Amino acid sequence: MRCKIGGLGMQFSGFGYERRQEPVGHRALAAAWRPYVETAIEAIGTDRSMMESNFPPDGYSAC
């Protein structure tokens, strides 16, 4: 089994960043996403996890 980790910036993820006037910075995104990413990596392991870019959909919430 493998786990693709990403897509947290999409509108349906529930963070609400797409409703902001200004884009969210990378530090705020890292802080918000950290618990989810760390939990996934701890459960699956680094050898079976991969990060991915979900651009352009994640662009709705991040700069």
N, C-alpha and C. Protein backbone atom coordinates (compact mmCIF):
# COMPACT_ATOMS: atom_id res chain seq x y z
N MET A 1 0.84 -1.16 0.00
CA MET A 1 0.00 0.00 0.00
C MET A 1 0.90 1.24 0.00
N ARG A 2 0.46 2.24 -0.71
CA ARG A 2 1.14 3.53 -0.76
C ARG A 2 0.13 4.62 -0.38
N CYS A 3 0.64 5.74 0.07
CA CYS A 3 -0.22 6.86 0.44
C CYS A 3 0.29 8.13 -0.23
N LYS A 4 -0.55 8.76 -1.02
CA LYS A 4 -0.22 10.05 -1.64
C LYS A 4 -0.75 11.14 -0.71
N ILE A 5 0.15 11.97 -0.23
CA ILE A 5 -0.22 12.99 0.74
C ILE A 5 -0.27 14.34 0.04
N GLY A 6 -1.42 14.94 0.02
CA GLY A 6 -1.57 16.23 -0.62
C GLY A 6 -3.03 16.58 -0.80
N GLY A 7 -3.29 17.66 -1.47
CA GLY A 7 -4.66 18.08 -1.74
C GLY A 7 -5.32 18.79 -0.57
N LEU A 8 -4.56 19.10 0.47
CA LEU A 8 -5.15 19.75 1.63
C LEU A 8 -5.57 21.18 1.36
N GLY A 9 -5.13 21.76 0.29
CA GLY A 9 -5.50 23.13 -0.04
C GLY A 9 -6.78 23.23 -0.86
N MET A 10 -7.36 22.09 -1.20
CA MET A 10 -8.58 22.13 -2.01
C MET A 10 -9.75 22.68 -1.19
N GLN A 11 -10.72 23.22 -1.87
CA GLN A 11 -11.82 23.91 -1.20
C GLN A 11 -12.60 23.00 -0.26
N PHE A 12 -12.75 21.73 -0.58
CA PHE A 12 -13.57 20.86 0.26
C PHE A 12 -12.84 20.33 1.49
N SER A 13 -11.59 20.72 1.69
CA SER A 13 -10.83 20.20 2.84
C SER A 13 -11.28 20.83 4.16
N GLY A 14 -12.00 21.94 4.10
CA GLY A 14 -12.58 22.52 5.30
C GLY A 14 -11.76 23.58 6.01
N PHE A 15 -10.61 23.94 5.47
CA PHE A 15 -9.79 24.97 6.11
C PHE A 15 -10.34 26.37 5.85
N GLY A 16 -11.08 26.57 4.78
CA GLY A 16 -11.70 27.86 4.49
C GLY A 16 -10.78 28.91 3.91
N TYR A 17 -9.59 28.52 3.50
CA TYR A 17 -8.64 29.49 2.97
C TYR A 17 -9.13 30.14 1.68
N GLU A 18 -9.98 29.47 0.95
CA GLU A 18 -10.44 30.02 -0.33
C GLU A 18 -11.34 31.23 -0.13
N ARG A 19 -11.83 31.45 1.07
CA ARG A 19 -12.71 32.60 1.35
C ARG A 19 -11.93 33.84 1.79
N ARG A 20 -10.64 33.72 1.97
CA ARG A 20 -9.82 34.85 2.41
C ARG A 20 -9.56 35.82 1.26
N GLN A 21 -9.37 37.07 1.61
CA GLN A 21 -9.03 38.08 0.62
C GLN A 21 -7.58 37.94 0.17
N GLU A 22 -6.70 37.63 1.12
CA GLU A 22 -5.28 37.48 0.84
C GLU A 22 -4.90 36.00 0.88
N PRO A 23 -4.00 35.58 0.03
CA PRO A 23 -3.55 34.18 0.07
C PRO A 23 -2.87 33.86 1.41
N VAL A 24 -2.93 32.62 1.78
CA VAL A 24 -2.30 32.15 3.01
C VAL A 24 -0.83 31.89 2.74
N GLY A 25 0.02 32.25 3.67
CA GLY A 25 1.45 32.03 3.51
C GLY A 25 1.86 30.60 3.84
N HIS A 26 3.07 30.26 3.47
CA HIS A 26 3.53 28.89 3.64
C HIS A 26 3.65 28.48 5.10
N ARG A 27 3.97 29.39 5.99
CA ARG A 27 4.09 29.03 7.40
C ARG A 27 2.73 28.67 8.00
N ALA A 28 1.71 29.43 7.65
CA ALA A 28 0.36 29.14 8.14
C ALA A 28 -0.14 27.81 7.59
N LEU A 29 0.13 27.55 6.31
CA LEU A 29 -0.28 26.27 5.72
C LEU A 29 0.45 25.12 6.39
N ALA A 30 1.74 25.26 6.61
CA ALA A 30 2.52 24.19 7.25
C ALA A 30 1.98 23.89 8.64
N ALA A 31 1.66 24.93 9.40
CA ALA A 31 1.13 24.72 10.75
C ALA A 31 -0.22 24.02 10.73
N ALA A 32 -1.08 24.41 9.80
CA ALA A 32 -2.42 23.82 9.71
C ALA A 32 -2.38 22.38 9.21
N TRP A 33 -1.51 22.11 8.26
CA TRP A 33 -1.47 20.78 7.64
C TRP A 33 -0.61 19.78 8.40
N ARG A 34 0.30 20.28 9.25
CA ARG A 34 1.25 19.41 9.94
C ARG A 34 0.61 18.21 10.64
N PRO A 35 -0.45 18.37 11.44
CA PRO A 35 -1.01 17.21 12.13
C PRO A 35 -1.49 16.12 11.17
N TYR A 36 -2.03 16.51 10.04
CA TYR A 36 -2.54 15.54 9.07
C TYR A 36 -1.41 14.82 8.35
N VAL A 37 -0.42 15.58 7.94
CA VAL A 37 0.72 15.00 7.22
C VAL A 37 1.52 14.10 8.14
N GLU A 38 1.79 14.55 9.36
CA GLU A 38 2.56 13.73 10.29
C GLU A 38 1.82 12.45 10.66
N THR A 39 0.51 12.53 10.86
CA THR A 39 -0.27 11.33 11.18
C THR A 39 -0.22 10.33 10.04
N ALA A 40 -0.37 10.81 8.82
CA ALA A 40 -0.32 9.91 7.66
C ALA A 40 1.05 9.25 7.54
N ILE A 41 2.11 10.02 7.70
CA ILE A 41 3.46 9.46 7.57
C ILE A 41 3.75 8.48 8.71
N GLU A 42 3.30 8.79 9.92
CA GLU A 42 3.51 7.87 11.04
C GLU A 42 2.75 6.57 10.83
N ALA A 43 1.56 6.63 10.25
CA ALA A 43 0.76 5.43 10.04
C ALA A 43 1.28 4.58 8.88
N ILE A 44 1.72 5.20 7.81
CA ILE A 44 2.12 4.48 6.60
C ILE A 44 3.62 4.27 6.54
N GLY A 45 4.39 5.22 7.06
CA GLY A 45 5.85 5.15 6.99
C GLY A 45 6.38 5.97 5.82
N THR A 46 7.61 6.42 5.96
CA THR A 46 8.20 7.26 4.91
C THR A 46 8.47 6.48 3.63
N ASP A 47 8.70 5.19 3.75
CA ASP A 47 9.01 4.40 2.55
C ASP A 47 7.78 4.15 1.69
N ARG A 48 6.58 4.39 2.23
CA ARG A 48 5.36 4.17 1.45
C ARG A 48 4.53 5.44 1.29
N SER A 49 5.10 6.58 1.63
CA SER A 49 4.41 7.87 1.50
C SER A 49 5.06 8.69 0.40
N MET A 50 4.26 9.50 -0.27
CA MET A 50 4.82 10.43 -1.24
C MET A 50 4.01 11.72 -1.21
N MET A 51 4.71 12.82 -1.28
CA MET A 51 4.06 14.12 -1.35
C MET A 51 3.81 14.42 -2.83
N GLU A 52 2.79 15.22 -3.06
CA GLU A 52 2.47 15.57 -4.43
C GLU A 52 2.05 17.02 -4.51
N SER A 53 2.17 17.55 -5.68
CA SER A 53 1.69 18.90 -5.94
C SER A 53 0.28 18.78 -6.49
N ASN A 54 -0.60 19.56 -5.96
CA ASN A 54 -1.98 19.54 -6.42
C ASN A 54 -2.32 20.90 -7.04
N PHE A 55 -1.42 21.38 -7.86
CA PHE A 55 -1.62 22.67 -8.53
C PHE A 55 -2.25 22.40 -9.89
N PRO A 56 -3.26 23.12 -10.28
CA PRO A 56 -3.73 24.39 -9.75
C PRO A 56 -4.82 24.33 -8.69
N PRO A 57 -5.49 23.19 -8.40
CA PRO A 57 -6.57 23.25 -7.41
C PRO A 57 -6.16 23.83 -6.06
N ASP A 58 -4.98 23.49 -5.56
CA ASP A 58 -4.55 24.05 -4.28
C ASP A 58 -4.28 25.54 -4.37
N GLY A 59 -4.14 26.07 -5.55
CA GLY A 59 -3.89 27.49 -5.73
C GLY A 59 -5.04 28.37 -5.28
N TYR A 60 -6.21 27.78 -5.07
CA TYR A 60 -7.34 28.57 -4.58
C TYR A 60 -7.11 29.04 -3.15
N SER A 61 -6.26 28.34 -2.41
CA SER A 61 -6.07 28.71 -1.02
C SER A 61 -4.65 29.13 -0.68
N ALA A 62 -3.70 28.84 -1.54
CA ALA A 62 -2.30 29.14 -1.21
C ALA A 62 -1.67 29.95 -2.32
N CYS A 63 -0.68 30.76 -1.94
CA CYS A 63 0.02 31.54 -2.95
C CYS A 63 1.27 30.81 -3.40
